[in-house]
Structure formats: structure tokens, C-alpha cells
Amino acid sequence: MGSKDVAFQDQVNIEIVGGVGKIRMPRTMLPPVRGGKDGWMELENLKIGDREITANAAVNFINSPKVRIDRMTGMLSISGKSGNFTAPCRNYDPATEQRAF
């Protein structure tokens, strides 16, 4: 069985507060049967280090993709049964962020 790279654009949201995290993953990576609430999945095994943040996205009982944010380069990667996703990541603080419009 072969594999094929298919490009797509999407947005990922990650929220980490007080050592607890959640993620809104790209829709193309989500199976029809999934958990979560309002599109958000829990981040399990969350580890916040100086150089990286790692976790598993609790999509469903057999699918928990690996999530990694490289804090040095700002790159986000998600790797799981549905494929891989890589994109630049930036910090967002609603208290200090200026509006674009």
C-alpha cells in the first residue's frame, strides 16, 4: 500500500492554560467518529519544556495524533493516522494582541 502527499490549507488552534490544553485540528485530519466538544479535542500527556511542547490530541479511542510545537523555530507538527500537518505557529495573547480590523 502506497502513500500520497496531498496539500491542503487549514488553521489549527491550541489553547494551553494552567498546564491543561486543547486543540482544534484541521478538519481533513478528523475521522467521522470523534470526541471533543465544539470542535475542541483535549491534549493528553501535555509536556511543556523550554524547547518544545508535546502532547497527544484525544480525537477518539483509537486515534490520538502526536502534536509538537518547536518553541525555537515556531513550527507546529501533527502526526497521526490521517496524515501529517506542519505549519508555522505564533503565540496569541488576547490581552495584548492588536486587532487587524
N, C-alpha and C. Protein backbone atom coordinates (compact mmCIF):
# COMPACT_ATOMS: atom_id res chain seq x y z
N MET A 1 0.85 -1.17 0.00
CA MET A 1 0.00 0.00 0.00
C MET A 1 0.89 1.24 0.00
N GLY A 2 0.65 2.16 -0.91
CA GLY A 2 1.46 3.36 -1.02
C GLY A 2 0.87 4.53 -0.28
N SER A 3 1.56 5.63 -0.36
CA SER A 3 1.07 6.85 0.26
C SER A 3 1.21 7.99 -0.74
N LYS A 4 0.48 9.04 -0.50
CA LYS A 4 0.48 10.18 -1.41
C LYS A 4 0.35 11.45 -0.59
N ASP A 5 1.18 12.43 -0.90
CA ASP A 5 1.07 13.73 -0.24
C ASP A 5 0.00 14.56 -0.93
N VAL A 6 -0.90 15.10 -0.15
CA VAL A 6 -1.95 15.97 -0.67
C VAL A 6 -1.90 17.27 0.11
N ALA A 7 -1.66 18.35 -0.60
CA ALA A 7 -1.57 19.65 0.07
C ALA A 7 -2.96 20.19 0.39
N PHE A 8 -3.07 20.83 1.54
CA PHE A 8 -4.31 21.49 1.92
C PHE A 8 -3.97 22.63 2.87
N GLN A 9 -4.85 23.60 2.94
CA GLN A 9 -4.67 24.71 3.86
C GLN A 9 -5.75 24.64 4.93
N ASP A 10 -5.35 24.90 6.14
CA ASP A 10 -6.31 24.92 7.25
C ASP A 10 -5.67 25.66 8.41
N GLN A 11 -6.43 25.87 9.43
CA GLN A 11 -5.95 26.55 10.62
C GLN A 11 -6.07 25.62 11.80
N VAL A 12 -5.11 25.69 12.70
CA VAL A 12 -5.11 24.92 13.94
C VAL A 12 -5.11 25.91 15.09
N ASN A 13 -5.93 25.66 16.08
CA ASN A 13 -5.93 26.48 17.29
C ASN A 13 -5.54 25.59 18.46
N ILE A 14 -4.64 26.08 19.29
CA ILE A 14 -4.24 25.38 20.51
C ILE A 14 -4.37 26.36 21.66
N GLU A 15 -4.97 25.89 22.73
CA GLU A 15 -5.11 26.72 23.93
C GLU A 15 -4.51 25.95 25.10
N ILE A 16 -3.57 26.59 25.81
CA ILE A 16 -2.96 25.99 26.99
C ILE A 16 -3.08 27.00 28.13
N VAL A 17 -3.77 26.58 29.18
CA VAL A 17 -3.96 27.43 30.35
C VAL A 17 -3.73 26.58 31.59
N GLY A 18 -2.79 27.00 32.43
CA GLY A 18 -2.55 26.29 33.68
C GLY A 18 -2.15 24.84 33.50
N GLY A 19 -1.40 24.53 32.46
CA GLY A 19 -0.94 23.17 32.24
C GLY A 19 -1.97 22.24 31.62
N VAL A 20 -3.14 22.77 31.25
CA VAL A 20 -4.19 21.98 30.60
C VAL A 20 -4.37 22.55 29.19
N GLY A 21 -4.47 21.64 28.20
CA GLY A 21 -4.55 22.12 26.83
C GLY A 21 -5.66 21.48 26.02
N LYS A 22 -6.01 22.18 24.93
CA LYS A 22 -6.97 21.65 23.98
C LYS A 22 -6.57 22.13 22.59
N ILE A 23 -7.06 21.41 21.57
CA ILE A 23 -6.68 21.71 20.19
C ILE A 23 -7.89 21.63 19.28
N ARG A 24 -7.92 22.50 18.31
CA ARG A 24 -8.90 22.45 17.22
C ARG A 24 -8.09 22.08 15.98
N MET A 25 -8.25 20.84 15.52
CA MET A 25 -7.41 20.29 14.45
C MET A 25 -7.99 20.58 13.06
N PRO A 26 -7.15 20.41 12.01
CA PRO A 26 -7.66 20.55 10.65
C PRO A 26 -8.77 19.53 10.39
N ARG A 27 -9.84 19.97 9.77
CA ARG A 27 -11.00 19.09 9.54
C ARG A 27 -10.65 17.89 8.69
N THR A 28 -9.72 18.04 7.75
CA THR A 28 -9.35 16.92 6.88
C THR A 28 -8.66 15.81 7.65
N MET A 29 -8.16 16.08 8.84
CA MET A 29 -7.49 15.07 9.65
C MET A 29 -8.42 14.40 10.65
N LEU A 30 -9.68 14.81 10.69
CA LEU A 30 -10.61 14.27 11.68
C LEU A 30 -11.48 13.18 11.08
N PRO A 31 -11.60 12.04 11.78
CA PRO A 31 -12.47 10.97 11.31
C PRO A 31 -13.94 11.31 11.58
N PRO A 32 -14.87 10.60 10.93
CA PRO A 32 -16.30 10.86 11.16
C PRO A 32 -16.70 10.64 12.62
N VAL A 33 -16.13 9.61 13.26
CA VAL A 33 -16.44 9.33 14.66
C VAL A 33 -15.32 9.91 15.51
N ARG A 34 -15.66 10.91 16.29
CA ARG A 34 -14.63 11.57 17.10
C ARG A 34 -15.25 12.15 18.37
N GLY A 35 -14.38 12.43 19.32
CA GLY A 35 -14.82 13.03 20.57
C GLY A 35 -14.68 14.54 20.48
N GLY A 36 -14.48 15.13 21.63
CA GLY A 36 -14.31 16.57 21.68
C GLY A 36 -15.62 17.30 21.93
N LYS A 37 -15.49 18.61 22.08
CA LYS A 37 -16.66 19.45 22.33
C LYS A 37 -16.49 20.74 21.55
N ASP A 38 -17.48 21.07 20.74
CA ASP A 38 -17.45 22.28 19.91
C ASP A 38 -16.21 22.36 19.02
N GLY A 39 -15.74 21.19 18.54
CA GLY A 39 -14.57 21.15 17.67
C GLY A 39 -13.24 21.09 18.40
N TRP A 40 -13.24 21.18 19.72
CA TRP A 40 -12.02 21.15 20.51
C TRP A 40 -11.77 19.74 21.05
N MET A 41 -10.53 19.26 20.93
CA MET A 41 -10.10 17.98 21.49
C MET A 41 -9.14 18.25 22.64
N GLU A 42 -9.20 17.40 23.65
CA GLU A 42 -8.27 17.54 24.77
C GLU A 42 -6.86 17.18 24.33
N LEU A 43 -5.87 17.84 24.92
CA LEU A 43 -4.47 17.47 24.73
C LEU A 43 -4.06 16.61 25.92
N GLU A 44 -3.76 15.35 25.65
CA GLU A 44 -3.33 14.43 26.71
C GLU A 44 -1.81 14.35 26.72
N ASN A 45 -1.25 13.93 27.85
CA ASN A 45 0.20 13.78 28.00
C ASN A 45 0.93 15.08 27.66
N LEU A 46 0.34 16.20 28.02
CA LEU A 46 0.90 17.52 27.71
C LEU A 46 2.20 17.74 28.49
N LYS A 47 3.26 18.05 27.73
CA LYS A 47 4.56 18.35 28.33
C LYS A 47 5.04 19.68 27.77
N ILE A 48 5.31 20.61 28.67
CA ILE A 48 5.75 21.94 28.27
C ILE A 48 7.19 22.11 28.71
N GLY A 49 8.10 22.14 27.75
CA GLY A 49 9.51 22.30 28.03
C GLY A 49 10.03 23.62 27.49
N ASP A 50 11.31 23.89 27.76
CA ASP A 50 11.92 25.13 27.27
C ASP A 50 12.02 25.16 25.75
N ARG A 51 12.25 24.00 25.13
CA ARG A 51 12.47 23.94 23.69
C ARG A 51 11.27 23.44 22.89
N GLU A 52 10.36 22.70 23.55
CA GLU A 52 9.22 22.16 22.81
C GLU A 52 8.02 21.92 23.71
N ILE A 53 6.86 21.86 23.08
CA ILE A 53 5.61 21.48 23.73
C ILE A 53 5.12 20.25 22.98
N THR A 54 4.84 19.17 23.71
CA THR A 54 4.35 17.95 23.07
C THR A 54 3.09 17.46 23.77
N ALA A 55 2.27 16.73 23.02
CA ALA A 55 1.03 16.19 23.56
C ALA A 55 0.45 15.21 22.55
N ASN A 56 -0.65 14.59 22.94
CA ASN A 56 -1.46 13.76 22.05
C ASN A 56 -2.86 14.35 22.01
N ALA A 57 -3.40 14.49 20.81
CA ALA A 57 -4.76 15.00 20.65
C ALA A 57 -5.74 13.85 20.81
N ALA A 58 -6.66 13.96 21.76
CA ALA A 58 -7.64 12.90 22.04
C ALA A 58 -8.78 12.98 21.03
N VAL A 59 -8.56 12.45 19.82
CA VAL A 59 -9.56 12.50 18.76
C VAL A 59 -10.65 11.47 19.01
N ASN A 60 -10.23 10.21 19.20
CA ASN A 60 -11.16 9.15 19.58
C ASN A 60 -10.37 8.02 20.25
N PHE A 61 -11.02 6.92 20.57
CA PHE A 61 -10.36 5.87 21.36
C PHE A 61 -9.24 5.15 20.62
N ILE A 62 -9.16 5.25 19.29
CA ILE A 62 -8.07 4.60 18.56
C ILE A 62 -7.19 5.60 17.81
N ASN A 63 -7.46 6.86 17.92
CA ASN A 63 -6.73 7.88 17.18
C ASN A 63 -6.34 9.03 18.10
N SER A 64 -5.06 9.13 18.39
CA SER A 64 -4.56 10.24 19.22
C SER A 64 -3.26 10.77 18.61
N PRO A 65 -3.37 11.61 17.58
CA PRO A 65 -2.20 12.12 16.88
C PRO A 65 -1.22 12.84 17.81
N LYS A 66 0.06 12.75 17.45
CA LYS A 66 1.11 13.45 18.20
C LYS A 66 1.14 14.91 17.76
N VAL A 67 1.21 15.79 18.74
CA VAL A 67 1.27 17.23 18.48
C VAL A 67 2.59 17.74 19.05
N ARG A 68 3.30 18.53 18.26
CA ARG A 68 4.58 19.08 18.73
C ARG A 68 4.71 20.52 18.24
N ILE A 69 5.08 21.39 19.17
CA ILE A 69 5.41 22.77 18.82
C ILE A 69 6.87 22.98 19.19
N ASP A 70 7.68 23.31 18.21
CA ASP A 70 9.09 23.63 18.44
C ASP A 70 9.14 25.09 18.88
N ARG A 71 9.49 25.32 20.11
CA ARG A 71 9.46 26.68 20.66
C ARG A 71 10.61 27.54 20.16
N MET A 72 11.60 26.92 19.52
CA MET A 72 12.73 27.67 18.98
C MET A 72 12.43 28.17 17.56
N THR A 73 11.81 27.31 16.74
CA THR A 73 11.52 27.68 15.35
C THR A 73 10.09 28.17 15.14
N GLY A 74 9.19 27.83 16.08
CA GLY A 74 7.79 28.21 15.94
C GLY A 74 7.00 27.28 15.04
N MET A 75 7.56 26.11 14.72
CA MET A 75 6.85 25.18 13.83
C MET A 75 5.97 24.23 14.64
N LEU A 76 4.75 24.04 14.14
CA LEU A 76 3.78 23.11 14.70
C LEU A 76 3.72 21.90 13.80
N SER A 77 3.71 20.70 14.38
CA SER A 77 3.52 19.49 13.58
C SER A 77 2.51 18.58 14.27
N ILE A 78 1.66 17.97 13.45
CA ILE A 78 0.69 16.99 13.91
C ILE A 78 0.90 15.75 13.07
N SER A 79 1.06 14.60 13.73
CA SER A 79 1.31 13.35 13.02
C SER A 79 0.38 12.28 13.56
N GLY A 80 -0.42 11.67 12.66
CA GLY A 80 -1.37 10.66 13.11
C GLY A 80 -1.84 9.76 11.99
N LYS A 81 -2.86 8.97 12.27
CA LYS A 81 -3.41 8.01 11.31
C LYS A 81 -3.93 8.68 10.04
N SER A 82 -4.39 9.91 10.15
CA SER A 82 -4.96 10.62 9.00
C SER A 82 -3.92 11.36 8.18
N GLY A 83 -2.66 11.32 8.60
CA GLY A 83 -1.60 12.00 7.88
C GLY A 83 -0.85 12.98 8.76
N ASN A 84 -0.10 13.84 8.12
CA ASN A 84 0.74 14.80 8.81
C ASN A 84 0.37 16.23 8.42
N PHE A 85 0.57 17.14 9.36
CA PHE A 85 0.29 18.55 9.14
C PHE A 85 1.43 19.33 9.76
N THR A 86 1.99 20.29 9.01
CA THR A 86 3.06 21.14 9.51
C THR A 86 2.76 22.58 9.12
N ALA A 87 2.94 23.49 10.06
CA ALA A 87 2.67 24.90 9.78
C ALA A 87 3.40 25.77 10.79
N PRO A 88 3.65 27.03 10.43
CA PRO A 88 4.21 27.95 11.42
C PRO A 88 3.17 28.25 12.50
N CYS A 89 3.66 28.49 13.69
CA CYS A 89 2.80 28.73 14.84
C CYS A 89 3.23 30.04 15.49
N ARG A 90 2.26 30.79 15.99
CA ARG A 90 2.61 32.02 16.70
C ARG A 90 1.82 32.10 18.00
N ASN A 91 2.42 32.76 18.96
CA ASN A 91 1.79 32.97 20.25
C ASN A 91 0.66 33.99 20.11
N TYR A 92 -0.43 33.74 20.77
CA TYR A 92 -1.56 34.67 20.74
C TYR A 92 -2.03 34.93 22.16
N ASP A 93 -1.96 36.18 22.56
CA ASP A 93 -2.45 36.60 23.87
C ASP A 93 -3.52 37.66 23.63
N PRO A 94 -4.80 37.31 23.85
CA PRO A 94 -5.87 38.27 23.55
C PRO A 94 -5.76 39.58 24.33
N ALA A 95 -5.06 39.57 25.45
CA ALA A 95 -4.93 40.79 26.25
C ALA A 95 -3.96 41.78 25.61
N THR A 96 -3.02 41.29 24.80
CA THR A 96 -2.02 42.17 24.22
C THR A 96 -2.08 42.25 22.70
N GLU A 97 -2.84 41.38 22.08
CA GLU A 97 -2.92 41.33 20.61
C GLU A 97 -3.69 42.52 20.06
N GLN A 98 -3.14 43.13 19.01
CA GLN A 98 -3.84 44.23 18.36
C GLN A 98 -4.75 43.67 17.27
N ARG A 99 -5.88 44.29 17.10
CA ARG A 99 -6.84 43.85 16.09
C ARG A 99 -6.33 44.17 14.69
N ALA A 100 -6.63 43.31 13.75
CA ALA A 100 -6.25 43.54 12.36
C ALA A 100 -7.26 44.46 11.66
N PHE A 101 -8.49 44.52 12.18
CA PHE A 101 -9.54 45.33 11.56
C PHE A 101 -10.21 46.21 12.59
